[in-house]
PDB file of N, CA and C in Angstrom:
ATOM      1  N   MET A   1      13.206   4.577   6.962  1.00  0.00           N
ATOM      2  CA  MET A   1      13.239   3.127   6.938  1.00  0.00           C
ATOM      3  C   MET A   1      13.731   2.638   5.577  1.00  0.00           C
ATOM      4  N   THR A   2      14.292   1.462   5.583  1.00  0.00           N
ATOM      5  CA  THR A   2      14.833   0.905   4.354  1.00  0.00           C
ATOM      6  C   THR A   2      13.747   0.159   3.578  1.00  0.00           C
ATOM      7  N   LEU A   3      14.052  -0.166   2.337  1.00  0.00           N
ATOM      8  CA  LEU A   3      13.149  -0.958   1.510  1.00  0.00           C
ATOM      9  C   LEU A   3      12.816  -2.271   2.209  1.00  0.00           C
ATOM     10  N   GLY A   4      13.827  -2.949   2.704  1.00  0.00           N
ATOM     11  CA  GLY A   4      13.618  -4.236   3.368  1.00  0.00           C
ATOM     12  C   GLY A   4      12.742  -4.118   4.606  1.00  0.00           C
ATOM     13  N   GLU A   5      12.982  -3.084   5.399  1.00  0.00           N
ATOM     14  CA  GLU A   5      12.166  -2.879   6.593  1.00  0.00           C
ATOM     15  C   GLU A   5      10.713  -2.618   6.228  1.00  0.00           C
ATOM     16  N   ASN A   6      10.507  -1.785   5.216  1.00  0.00           N
ATOM     17  CA  ASN A   6       9.141  -1.485   4.776  1.00  0.00           C
ATOM     18  C   ASN A   6       8.440  -2.740   4.258  1.00  0.00           C
ATOM     19  N   MET A   7       9.152  -3.538   3.479  1.00  0.00           N
ATOM     20  CA  MET A   7       8.573  -4.779   2.970  1.00  0.00           C
ATOM     21  C   MET A   7       8.136  -5.681   4.116  1.00  0.00           C
ATOM     22  N   LYS A   8       9.023  -5.858   5.069  1.00  0.00           N
ATOM     23  CA  LYS A   8       8.746  -6.761   6.187  1.00  0.00           C
ATOM     24  C   LYS A   8       7.562  -6.269   7.021  1.00  0.00           C
ATOM     25  N   ILE A   9       7.513  -4.978   7.292  1.00  0.00           N
ATOM     26  CA  ILE A   9       6.417  -4.417   8.087  1.00  0.00           C
ATOM     27  C   ILE A   9       5.078  -4.639   7.402  1.00  0.00           C
ATOM     28  N   VAL A  10       5.000  -4.317   6.123  1.00  0.00           N
ATOM     29  CA  VAL A  10       3.733  -4.487   5.396  1.00  0.00           C
ATOM     30  C   VAL A  10       3.361  -5.965   5.323  1.00  0.00           C
ATOM     31  N   ARG A  11       4.336  -6.815   5.036  1.00  0.00           N
ATOM     32  CA  ARG A  11       4.067  -8.254   4.952  1.00  0.00           C
ATOM     33  C   ARG A  11       3.518  -8.772   6.270  1.00  0.00           C
ATOM     34  N   MET A  12       4.116  -8.358   7.358  1.00  0.00           N
ATOM     35  CA  MET A  12       3.662  -8.829   8.672  1.00  0.00           C
ATOM     36  C   MET A  12       2.291  -8.249   9.026  1.00  0.00           C
ATOM     37  N   GLN A  13       2.038  -7.003   8.651  1.00  0.00           N
ATOM     38  CA  GLN A  13       0.721  -6.407   8.885  1.00  0.00           C
ATOM     39  C   GLN A  13      -0.363  -7.184   8.148  1.00  0.00           C
ATOM     40  N   LYS A  14      -0.008  -7.713   6.999  1.00  0.00           N
ATOM     41  CA  LYS A  14      -0.966  -8.478   6.202  1.00  0.00           C
ATOM     42  C   LYS A  14      -0.983  -9.956   6.589  1.00  0.00           C
ATOM     43  N   LYS A  15      -0.221 -10.290   7.654  1.00  0.00           N
ATOM     44  CA  LYS A  15      -0.144 -11.660   8.172  1.00  0.00           C
ATOM     45  C   LYS A  15       0.258 -12.662   7.085  1.00  0.00           C
ATOM     46  N   MET A  16       1.281 -12.261   6.318  1.00  0.00           N
ATOM     47  CA  MET A  16       1.809 -13.116   5.267  1.00  0.00           C
ATOM     48  C   MET A  16       3.178 -13.630   5.689  1.00  0.00           C
ATOM     49  N   SER A  17       3.482 -14.857   5.288  1.00  0.00           N
ATOM     50  CA  SER A  17       4.834 -15.379   5.478  1.00  0.00           C
ATOM     51  C   SER A  17       5.683 -14.938   4.289  1.00  0.00           C
ATOM     52  N   GLN A  18       6.971 -15.114   4.420  1.00  0.00           N
ATOM     53  CA  GLN A  18       7.847 -14.825   3.274  1.00  0.00           C
ATOM     54  C   GLN A  18       7.489 -15.733   2.108  1.00  0.00           C
ATOM     55  N   ALA A  19       7.126 -16.963   2.404  1.00  0.00           N
ATOM     56  CA  ALA A  19       6.743 -17.908   1.346  1.00  0.00           C
ATOM     57  C   ALA A  19       5.469 -17.446   0.647  1.00  0.00           C
ATOM     58  N   ASP A  20       4.508 -16.917   1.418  1.00  0.00           N
ATOM     59  CA  ASP A  20       3.269 -16.401   0.819  1.00  0.00           C
ATOM     60  C   ASP A  20       3.573 -15.263  -0.145  1.00  0.00           C
ATOM     61  N   LEU A  21       4.388 -14.324   0.317  1.00  0.00           N
ATOM     62  CA  LEU A  21       4.749 -13.174  -0.524  1.00  0.00           C
ATOM     63  C   LEU A  21       5.513 -13.629  -1.755  1.00  0.00           C
ATOM     64  N   ALA A  22       6.440 -14.549  -1.569  1.00  0.00           N
ATOM     65  CA  ALA A  22       7.225 -15.051  -2.696  1.00  0.00           C
ATOM     66  C   ALA A  22       6.327 -15.660  -3.768  1.00  0.00           C
ATOM     67  N   LYS A  23       5.345 -16.422  -3.327  1.00  0.00           N
ATOM     68  CA  LYS A  23       4.433 -17.059  -4.279  1.00  0.00           C
ATOM     69  C   LYS A  23       3.627 -16.013  -5.051  1.00  0.00           C
ATOM     70  N   LEU A  24       3.093 -15.013  -4.329  1.00  0.00           N
ATOM     71  CA  LEU A  24       2.297 -13.978  -4.974  1.00  0.00           C
ATOM     72  C   LEU A  24       3.127 -13.115  -5.925  1.00  0.00           C
ATOM     73  N   ALA A  25       4.374 -12.846  -5.540  1.00  0.00           N
ATOM     74  CA  ALA A  25       5.252 -12.001  -6.358  1.00  0.00           C
ATOM     75  C   ALA A  25       6.030 -12.802  -7.398  1.00  0.00           C
ATOM     76  N   GLU A  26       5.882 -14.125  -7.343  1.00  0.00           N
ATOM     77  CA  GLU A  26       6.546 -15.030  -8.290  1.00  0.00           C
ATOM     78  C   GLU A  26       8.065 -14.926  -8.230  1.00  0.00           C
ATOM     79  N   VAL A  27       8.584 -14.933  -6.969  1.00  0.00           N
ATOM     80  CA  VAL A  27      10.028 -14.975  -6.752  1.00  0.00           C
ATOM     81  C   VAL A  27      10.304 -16.056  -5.710  1.00  0.00           C
ATOM     82  N   HIS A  28      11.542 -16.411  -5.546  1.00  0.00           N
ATOM     83  CA  HIS A  28      11.913 -17.435  -4.570  1.00  0.00           C
ATOM     84  C   HIS A  28      11.880 -16.837  -3.169  1.00  0.00           C
ATOM     85  N   GLN A  29      11.481 -17.646  -2.201  1.00  0.00           N
ATOM     86  CA  GLN A  29      11.385 -17.199  -0.811  1.00  0.00           C
ATOM     87  C   GLN A  29      12.724 -16.698  -0.290  1.00  0.00           C
ATOM     88  N   LYS A  30      13.817 -17.315  -0.714  1.00  0.00           N
ATOM     89  CA  LYS A  30      15.142 -16.878  -0.266  1.00  0.00           C
ATOM     90  C   LYS A  30      15.419 -15.439  -0.702  1.00  0.00           C
ATOM     91  N   ASN A  31      14.894 -15.064  -1.879  1.00  0.00           N
ATOM     92  CA  ASN A  31      15.080 -13.687  -2.352  1.00  0.00           C
ATOM     93  C   ASN A  31      14.312 -12.702  -1.477  1.00  0.00           C
ATOM     94  N   ILE A  32      13.097 -13.083  -1.060  1.00  0.00           N
ATOM     95  CA  ILE A  32      12.325 -12.214  -0.170  1.00  0.00           C
ATOM     96  C   ILE A  32      13.124 -11.972   1.107  1.00  0.00           C
ATOM     97  N   SER A  33      13.725 -13.017   1.648  1.00  0.00           N
ATOM     98  CA  SER A  33      14.542 -12.885   2.853  1.00  0.00           C
ATOM     99  C   SER A  33      15.706 -11.929   2.610  1.00  0.00           C
ATOM    100  N   LYS A  34      16.370 -12.061   1.477  1.00  0.00           N
ATOM    101  CA  LYS A  34      17.503 -11.181   1.153  1.00  0.00           C
ATOM    102  C   LYS A  34      17.048  -9.735   1.014  1.00  0.00           C
ATOM    103  N   TYR A  35      15.880  -9.533   0.369  1.00  0.00           N
ATOM    104  CA  TYR A  35      15.362  -8.171   0.206  1.00  0.00           C
ATOM    105  C   TYR A  35      15.041  -7.558   1.566  1.00  0.00           C
ATOM    106  N   GLU A  36      14.372  -8.343   2.434  1.00  0.00           N
ATOM    107  CA  GLU A  36      13.964  -7.829   3.737  1.00  0.00           C
ATOM    108  C   GLU A  36      15.162  -7.540   4.640  1.00  0.00           C
ATOM    109  N   ASN A  37      16.243  -8.250   4.442  1.00  0.00           N
ATOM    110  CA  ASN A  37      17.457  -8.020   5.229  1.00  0.00           C
ATOM    111  C   ASN A  37      18.376  -6.989   4.580  1.00  0.00           C
ATOM    112  N   ASP A  38      17.916  -6.384   3.499  1.00  0.00           N
ATOM    113  CA  ASP A  38      18.668  -5.383   2.748  1.00  0.00           C
ATOM    114  C   ASP A  38      20.008  -5.898   2.245  1.00  0.00           C
ATOM    115  N   GLY A  39      20.059  -7.213   1.997  1.00  0.00           N
ATOM    116  CA  GLY A  39      21.273  -7.804   1.439  1.00  0.00           C
ATOM    117  C   GLY A  39      21.320  -7.663  -0.069  1.00  0.00           C
ATOM    118  N   VAL A  40      20.141  -7.590  -0.681  1.00  0.00           N
ATOM    119  CA  VAL A  40      20.021  -7.475  -2.133  1.00  0.00           C
ATOM    120  C   VAL A  40      18.866  -6.527  -2.425  1.00  0.00           C
ATOM    121  N   VAL A  41      18.997  -5.745  -3.479  1.00  0.00           N
ATOM    122  CA  VAL A  41      17.914  -4.854  -3.911  1.00  0.00           C
ATOM    123  C   VAL A  41      17.224  -5.510  -5.104  1.00  0.00           C
ATOM    124  N   PRO A  42      15.898  -5.646  -5.060  1.00  0.00           N
ATOM    125  CA  PRO A  42      15.198  -6.272  -6.184  1.00  0.00           C
ATOM    126  C   PRO A  42      15.233  -5.380  -7.425  1.00  0.00           C
ATOM    127  N   SER A  43      15.107  -6.015  -8.567  1.00  0.00           N
ATOM    128  CA  SER A  43      15.003  -5.244  -9.810  1.00  0.00           C
ATOM    129  C   SER A  43      13.703  -4.447  -9.783  1.00  0.00           C
ATOM    130  N   ALA A  44      13.592  -3.489 -10.667  1.00  0.00           N
ATOM    131  CA  ALA A  44      12.373  -2.671 -10.733  1.00  0.00           C
ATOM    132  C   ALA A  44      11.143  -3.530 -11.004  1.00  0.00           C
ATOM    133  N   LEU A  45      11.271  -4.516 -11.874  1.00  0.00           N
ATOM    134  CA  LEU A  45      10.141  -5.385 -12.188  1.00  0.00           C
ATOM    135  C   LEU A  45       9.725  -6.237 -10.995  1.00  0.00           C
ATOM    136  N   VAL A  46      10.707  -6.761 -10.272  1.00  0.00           N
ATOM    137  CA  VAL A  46      10.408  -7.570  -9.084  1.00  0.00           C
ATOM    138  C   VAL A  46       9.805  -6.688  -7.998  1.00  0.00           C
ATOM    139  N   LEU A  47      10.335  -5.488  -7.815  1.00  0.00           N
ATOM    140  CA  LEU A  47       9.796  -4.569  -6.825  1.00  0.00           C
ATOM    141  C   LEU A  47       8.336  -4.241  -7.133  1.00  0.00           C
ATOM    142  N   LYS A  48       8.038  -4.059  -8.396  1.00  0.00           N
ATOM    143  CA  LYS A  48       6.659  -3.776  -8.810  1.00  0.00           C
ATOM    144  C   LYS A  48       5.743  -4.947  -8.448  1.00  0.00           C
ATOM    145  N   GLU A  49       6.199  -6.165  -8.654  1.00  0.00           N
ATOM    146  CA  GLU A  49       5.397  -7.351  -8.320  1.00  0.00           C
ATOM    147  C   GLU A  49       5.228  -7.503  -6.809  1.00  0.00           C
ATOM    148  N   ILE A  50       6.259  -7.189  -6.065  1.00  0.00           N
ATOM    149  CA  ILE A  50       6.174  -7.265  -4.600  1.00  0.00           C
ATOM    150  C   ILE A  50       5.174  -6.231  -4.096  1.00  0.00           C
ATOM    151  N   ALA A  51       5.257  -5.009  -4.622  1.00  0.00           N
ATOM    152  CA  ALA A  51       4.324  -3.961  -4.222  1.00  0.00           C
ATOM    153  C   ALA A  51       2.890  -4.363  -4.548  1.00  0.00           C
ATOM    154  N   ARG A  52       2.691  -4.933  -5.730  1.00  0.00           N
ATOM    155  CA  ARG A  52       1.351  -5.386  -6.136  1.00  0.00           C
ATOM    156  C   ARG A  52       0.855  -6.456  -5.178  1.00  0.00           C
ATOM    157  N   ALA A  53       1.713  -7.401  -4.853  1.00  0.00           N
ATOM    158  CA  ALA A  53       1.341  -8.501  -3.959  1.00  0.00           C
ATOM    159  C   ALA A  53       1.003  -7.994  -2.555  1.00  0.00           C
ATOM    160  N   LEU A  54       1.677  -6.933  -2.134  1.00  0.00           N
ATOM    161  CA  LEU A  54       1.439  -6.373  -0.801  1.00  0.00           C
ATOM    162  C   LEU A  54       0.318  -5.334  -0.786  1.00  0.00           C
ATOM    163  N   GLY A  55      -0.104  -4.907  -1.973  1.00  0.00           N
ATOM    164  CA  GLY A  55      -1.171  -3.919  -2.052  1.00  0.00           C
ATOM    165  C   GLY A  55      -0.744  -2.508  -1.694  1.00  0.00           C
ATOM    166  N   VAL A  56       0.529  -2.188  -1.974  1.00  0.00           N
ATOM    167  CA  VAL A  56       1.048  -0.843  -1.724  1.00  0.00           C
ATOM    168  C   VAL A  56       1.771  -0.374  -2.987  1.00  0.00           C
ATOM    169  N   THR A  57       2.225   0.871  -2.974  1.00  0.00           N
ATOM    170  CA  THR A  57       2.960   1.394  -4.116  1.00  0.00           C
ATOM    171  C   THR A  57       4.455   1.122  -3.957  1.00  0.00           C
ATOM    172  N   THR A  58       5.161   1.163  -5.070  1.00  0.00           N
ATOM    173  CA  THR A  58       6.618   1.019  -4.997  1.00  0.00           C
ATOM    174  C   THR A  58       7.223   2.199  -4.242  1.00  0.00           C
ATOM    175  N   ASP A  59       6.653   3.386  -4.402  1.00  0.00           N
ATOM    176  CA  ASP A  59       7.140   4.550  -3.662  1.00  0.00           C
ATOM    177  C   ASP A  59       7.057   4.319  -2.164  1.00  0.00           C
ATOM    178  N   PHE A  60       5.968   3.712  -1.722  1.00  0.00           N
ATOM    179  CA  PHE A  60       5.820   3.439  -0.296  1.00  0.00           C
ATOM    180  C   PHE A  60       6.929   2.500   0.177  1.00  0.00           C
ATOM    181  N   LEU A  61       7.163   1.426  -0.566  1.00  0.00           N
ATOM    182  CA  LEU A  61       8.203   0.475  -0.173  1.00  0.00           C
ATOM    183  C   LEU A  61       9.585   1.116  -0.165  1.00  0.00           C
ATOM    184  N   LEU A  62       9.820   2.021  -1.105  1.00  0.00           N
ATOM    185  CA  LEU A  62      11.120   2.674  -1.191  1.00  0.00           C
ATOM    186  C   LEU A  62      11.291   3.771  -0.150  1.00  0.00           C
ATOM    187  N   GLY A  63      10.216   4.091   0.545  1.00  0.00           N
ATOM    188  CA  GLY A  63      10.308   5.091   1.602  1.00  0.00           C
ATOM    189  C   GLY A  63      10.266   6.515   1.106  1.00  0.00           C
ATOM    190  N   SER A  64       9.901   6.701  -0.165  1.00  0.00           N
ATOM    191  CA  SER A  64       9.847   8.056  -0.706  1.00  0.00           C
ATOM    192  C   SER A  64       8.423   8.594  -0.704  1.00  0.00           C
ATOM    193  N   GLN A  65       7.626   8.012   0.145  1.00  0.00           N
ATOM    194  CA  GLN A  65       6.218   8.372   0.246  1.00  0.00           C
ATOM    195  C   GLN A  65       6.073   9.625   1.100  1.00  0.00           C
ATOM    196  N   SER A  66       5.333  10.586   0.614  1.00  0.00           N
ATOM    197  CA  SER A  66       5.036  11.746   1.450  1.00  0.00           C
ATOM    198  C   SER A  66       3.647  11.565   2.049  1.00  0.00           C
ATOM    199  N   ASP A  67       3.299  12.409   2.987  1.00  0.00           N
ATOM    200  CA  ASP A  67       2.022  12.276   3.681  1.00  0.00           C
ATOM    201  C   ASP A  67       0.821  12.504   2.776  1.00  0.00           C
ATOM    202  N   ASN A  68       1.002  13.184   1.670  1.00  0.00           N
ATOM    203  CA  ASN A  68      -0.139  13.490   0.811  1.00  0.00           C
ATOM    204  C   ASN A  68      -0.288  12.505  -0.352  1.00  0.00           C
ATOM    205  N   VAL A  69       0.311  11.344  -0.253  1.00  0.00           N
ATOM    206  CA  VAL A  69       0.210  10.324  -1.286  1.00  0.00           C
ATOM    207  C   VAL A  69      -0.546   9.118  -0.719  1.00  0.00           C
ATOM    208  N   ILE A  70      -1.447   8.575  -1.517  1.00  0.00           N
ATOM    209  CA  ILE A  70      -2.241   7.428  -1.085  1.00  0.00           C
ATOM    210  C   ILE A  70      -1.385   6.176  -1.188  1.00  0.00           C
ATOM    211  N   LYS A  71      -1.251   5.440  -0.068  1.00  0.00           N
ATOM    212  CA  LYS A  71      -0.403   4.251  -0.013  1.00  0.00           C
ATOM    213  C   LYS A  71      -1.130   2.999  -0.487  1.00  0.00           C
ATOM    214  N   ASP A  72      -2.422   2.941  -0.229  1.00  0.00           N
ATOM    215  CA  ASP A  72      -3.218   1.759  -0.550  1.00  0.00           C
ATOM    216  C   ASP A  72      -3.581   1.777  -2.042  1.00  0.00           C
ATOM    217  N   VAL A  73      -3.087   0.805  -2.784  1.00  0.00           N
ATOM    218  CA  VAL A  73      -3.281   0.767  -4.235  1.00  0.00           C
ATOM    219  C   VAL A  73      -4.758   0.633  -4.602  1.00  0.00           C
ATOM    220  N   LYS A  74      -5.483  -0.196  -3.878  1.00  0.00           N
ATOM    221  CA  LYS A  74      -6.908  -0.383  -4.166  1.00  0.00           C
ATOM    222  C   LYS A  74      -7.675   0.926  -3.971  1.00  0.00           C
ATOM    223  N   LEU A  75      -7.383   1.625  -2.885  1.00  0.00           N
ATOM    224  CA  LEU A  75      -8.014   2.914  -2.624  1.00  0.00           C
ATOM    225  C   LEU A  75      -7.632   3.929  -3.698  1.00  0.00           C
ATOM    226  N   LEU A  76      -6.383   3.934  -4.089  1.00  0.00           N
ATOM    227  CA  LEU A  76      -5.920   4.829  -5.140  1.00  0.00           C
ATOM    228  C   LEU A  76      -6.671   4.574  -6.444  1.00  0.00           C
ATOM    229  N   ASN A  77      -6.885   3.305  -6.786  1.00  0.00           N
ATOM    230  CA  ASN A  77      -7.620   2.979  -8.012  1.00  0.00           C
ATOM    231  C   ASN A  77      -9.067   3.439  -7.944  1.00  0.00           C
ATOM    232  N   PHE A  78      -9.689   3.326  -6.747  1.00  0.00           N
ATOM    233  CA  PHE A  78     -11.060   3.830  -6.587  1.00  0.00           C
ATOM    234  C   PHE A  78     -11.091   5.337  -6.821  1.00  0.00           C
ATOM    235  N   PHE A  79     -10.128   6.051  -6.251  1.00  0.00           N
ATOM    236  CA  PHE A  79     -10.102   7.496  -6.423  1.00  0.00           C
ATOM    237  C   PHE A  79      -9.846   7.890  -7.882  1.00  0.00           C
ATOM    238  N   LYS A  80      -9.067   7.114  -8.587  1.00  0.00           N
ATOM    239  CA  LYS A  80      -8.857   7.391 -10.018  1.00  0.00           C
ATOM    240  C   LYS A  80     -10.166   7.232 -10.791  1.00  0.00           C
ATOM    241  N   GLU A  81     -10.947   6.200 -10.441  1.00  0.00           N
ATOM    242  CA  GLU A  81     -12.244   6.003 -11.094  1.00  0.00           C
ATOM    243  C   GLU A  81     -13.200   7.134 -10.748  1.00  0.00           C
ATOM    244  N   ILE A  82     -13.210   7.544  -9.504  1.00  0.00           N
ATOM    245  CA  ILE A  82     -14.078   8.636  -9.063  1.00  0.00           C
ATOM    246  C   ILE A  82     -13.708   9.920  -9.782  1.00  0.00           C
ATOM    247  N   ASP A  83     -12.417  10.140  -9.988  1.00  0.00           N
ATOM    248  CA  ASP A  83     -11.952  11.358 -10.651  1.00  0.00           C
ATOM    249  C   ASP A  83     -12.521  11.491 -12.070  1.00  0.00           C
ATOM    250  N   ASN A  84     -12.865  10.382 -12.699  1.00  0.00           N
ATOM    251  CA  ASN A  84     -13.414  10.410 -14.058  1.00  0.00           C
ATOM    252  C   ASN A  84     -14.936  10.545 -14.094  1.00  0.00           C
ATOM    253  N   MET A  85     -15.559  10.593 -12.926  1.00  0.00           N
ATOM    254  CA  MET A  85     -17.022  10.701 -12.856  1.00  0.00           C
ATOM    255  C   MET A  85     -17.454  12.155 -13.033  1.00  0.00           C
ATOM    256  N   PRO A  86     -18.730  12.353 -13.379  1.00  0.00           N
ATOM    257  CA  PRO A  86     -19.257  13.723 -13.467  1.00  0.00           C
ATOM    258  C   PRO A  86     -19.178  14.428 -12.107  1.00  0.00           C
ATOM    259  N   ASP A  87     -19.087  15.742 -12.141  1.00  0.00           N
ATOM    260  CA  ASP A  87     -18.904  16.531 -10.919  1.00  0.00           C
ATOM    261  C   ASP A  87     -20.003  16.306  -9.886  1.00  0.00           C
ATOM    262  N   ASN A  88     -21.245  16.141 -10.327  1.00  0.00           N
ATOM    263  CA  ASN A  88     -22.330  15.966  -9.360  1.00  0.00           C
ATOM    264  C   ASN A  88     -22.158  14.653  -8.581  1.00  0.00           C
ATOM    265  N   LEU A  89     -21.695  13.596  -9.247  1.00  0.00           N
ATOM    266  CA  LEU A  89     -21.450  12.329  -8.552  1.00  0.00           C
ATOM    267  C   LEU A  89     -20.247  12.439  -7.625  1.00  0.00           C
ATOM    268  N   LYS A  90     -19.210  13.130  -8.092  1.00  0.00           N
ATOM    269  CA  LYS A  90     -18.030  13.334  -7.240  1.00  0.00           C
ATOM    270  C   LYS A  90     -18.414  14.082  -5.977  1.00  0.00           C
ATOM    271  N   GLY A  91     -19.255  15.099  -6.118  1.00  0.00           N
ATOM    272  CA  GLY A  91     -19.682  15.878  -4.963  1.00  0.00           C
ATOM    273  C   GLY A  91     -20.422  15.025  -3.953  1.00  0.00           C
ATOM    274  N   SER A  92     -21.295  14.150  -4.438  1.00  0.00           N
ATOM    275  CA  SER A  92     -22.046  13.262  -3.545  1.00  0.00           C
ATOM    276  C   SER A  92     -21.106  12.319  -2.807  1.00  0.00           C
ATOM    277  N   LEU A  93     -20.149  11.758  -3.529  1.00  0.00           N
ATOM    278  CA  LEU A  93     -19.189  10.846  -2.903  1.00  0.00           C
ATOM    279  C   LEU A  93     -18.314  11.579  -1.887  1.00  0.00           C
ATOM    280  N   MET A  94     -17.944  12.803  -2.190  1.00  0.00           N
ATOM    281  CA  MET A  94     -17.135  13.590  -1.257  1.00  0.00           C
ATOM    282  C   MET A  94     -17.890  13.820   0.048  1.00  0.00           C
ATOM    283  N   GLN A  95     -19.197  14.061  -0.040  1.00  0.00           N
ATOM    284  CA  GLN A  95     -19.994  14.262   1.171  1.00  0.00           C
ATOM    285  C   GLN A  95     -20.025  12.992   2.017  1.00  0.00           C
ATOM    286  N   VAL A  96     -20.177  11.849   1.363  1.00  0.00           N
ATOM    287  CA  VAL A  96     -20.200  10.573   2.088  1.00  0.00           C
ATOM    288  C   VAL A  96     -18.846  10.316   2.745  1.00  0.00           C
ATOM    289  N   ILE A  97     -17.784  10.519   2.002  1.00  0.00           N
ATOM    290  CA  ILE A  97     -16.433  10.297   2.532  1.00  0.00           C
ATOM    291  C   ILE A  97     -16.169  11.249   3.696  1.00  0.00           C
ATOM    292  N   GLU A  98     -16.544  12.513   3.547  1.00  0.00           N
ATOM    293  CA  GLU A  98     -16.341  13.497   4.605  1.00  0.00           C
ATOM    294  C   GLU A  98     -17.082  13.086   5.884  1.00  0.00           C
ATOM    295  N   ALA A  99     -18.304  12.575   5.732  1.00  0.00           N
ATOM    296  CA  ALA A  99     -19.079  12.135   6.898  1.00  0.00           C
ATOM    297  C   ALA A  99     -18.379  10.971   7.602  1.00  0.00           C
ATOM    298  N   TYR A 100     -17.872  10.022   6.833  1.00  0.00           N
ATOM    299  CA  TYR A 100     -17.159   8.894   7.436  1.00  0.00           C
ATOM    300  C   TYR A 100     -15.898   9.346   8.152  1.00  0.00           C
ATOM    301  N   VAL A 101     -15.162  10.261   7.554  1.00  0.00           N
ATOM    302  CA  VAL A 101     -13.926  10.748   8.164  1.00  0.00           C
ATOM    303  C   VAL A 101     -14.237  11.492   9.464  1.00  0.00           C
ATOM    304  N   GLN A 102     -15.244  12.342   9.438  1.00  0.00           N
ATOM    305  CA  GLN A 102     -15.620  13.079  10.646  1.00  0.00           C
ATOM    306  C   GLN A 102     -16.065  12.118  11.743  1.00  0.00           C
ATOM    307  N   ASN A 103     -16.834  11.099  11.387  1.00  0.00           N
ATOM    308  CA  ASN A 103     -17.286  10.100  12.350  1.00  0.00           C
ATOM    309  C   ASN A 103     -16.089   9.357  12.953  1.00  0.00           C
ATOM    310  N   TYR A 104     -15.139   8.980  12.121  1.00  0.00           N
ATOM    311  CA  TYR A 104     -13.944   8.289  12.585  1.00  0.00           C
ATOM    312  C   TYR A 104     -13.142   9.168  13.560  1.00  0.00           C
ATOM    313  N   LYS A 105     -12.957  10.433  13.187  1.00  0.00           N
ATOM    314  CA  LYS A 105     -12.198  11.349  14.044  1.00  0.00           C
ATOM    315  C   LYS A 105     -12.899  11.542  15.382  1.00  0.00           C
ATOM    316  N   ALA A 106     -14.207  11.636  15.356  1.00  0.00           N
ATOM    317  CA  ALA A 106     -14.964  11.808  16.594  1.00  0.00           C
ATOM    318  C   ALA A 106     -14.783  10.578  17.494  1.00  0.00           C
ATOM    319  N   LYS A 107     -14.860   9.400  16.916  1.00  0.00           N
ATOM    320  CA  LYS A 107     -14.674   8.173  17.707  1.00  0.00           C
ATOM    321  C   LYS A 107     -13.271   8.104  18.287  1.00  0.00           C
ATOM    322  N   GLN A 108     -12.290   8.520  17.513  1.00  0.00           N
ATOM    323  CA  GLN A 108     -10.898   8.510  17.986  1.00  0.00           C
ATOM    324  C   GLN A 108     -10.708   9.489  19.128  1.00  0.00           C
ATOM    325  N   ALA A 109     -11.380  10.620  19.054  1.00  0.00           N
ATOM    326  CA  ALA A 109     -11.238  11.644  20.082  1.00  0.00           C
ATOM    327  C   ALA A 109     -11.810  11.184  21.420  1.00  0.00           C
ATOM    328  N   TYR A 110     -12.824  10.340  21.376  1.00  0.00           N
ATOM    329  CA  TYR A 110     -13.484   9.888  22.611  1.00  0.00           C
ATOM    330  C   TYR A 110     -13.009   8.521  23.089  1.00  0.00           C
ATOM    331  N   SER A 111     -12.051   7.938  22.412  1.00  0.00           N
ATOM    332  CA  SER A 111     -11.587   6.615  22.843  1.00  0.00           C
ATOM    333  C   SER A 111     -10.294   6.680  23.617  1.00  0.00           C
TER     334      SER A 111
END
């Protein structure tokens, strides 16, 4: 997928208009339209602001995201904070996360 397609998909998933995104990213709405239609490529600084406004990484928007990379910026920041915690706390959090993941998978399997 292209940068523009990725931008549009995430924006629509977040139920944002182009005007909403433009305001959050501090760019003109017409530019958002051009980016989404792949008519213009935003500068690195503008792309960073768009990614921040959408709550994803620039890599995700550029389509260079692999399956083992966290797309959600907020979640990524939580994991960075957890990584700096003592091992005993990390272990406890890992058990909680593992339980939630297993519960989710079980629900998905039966739905």
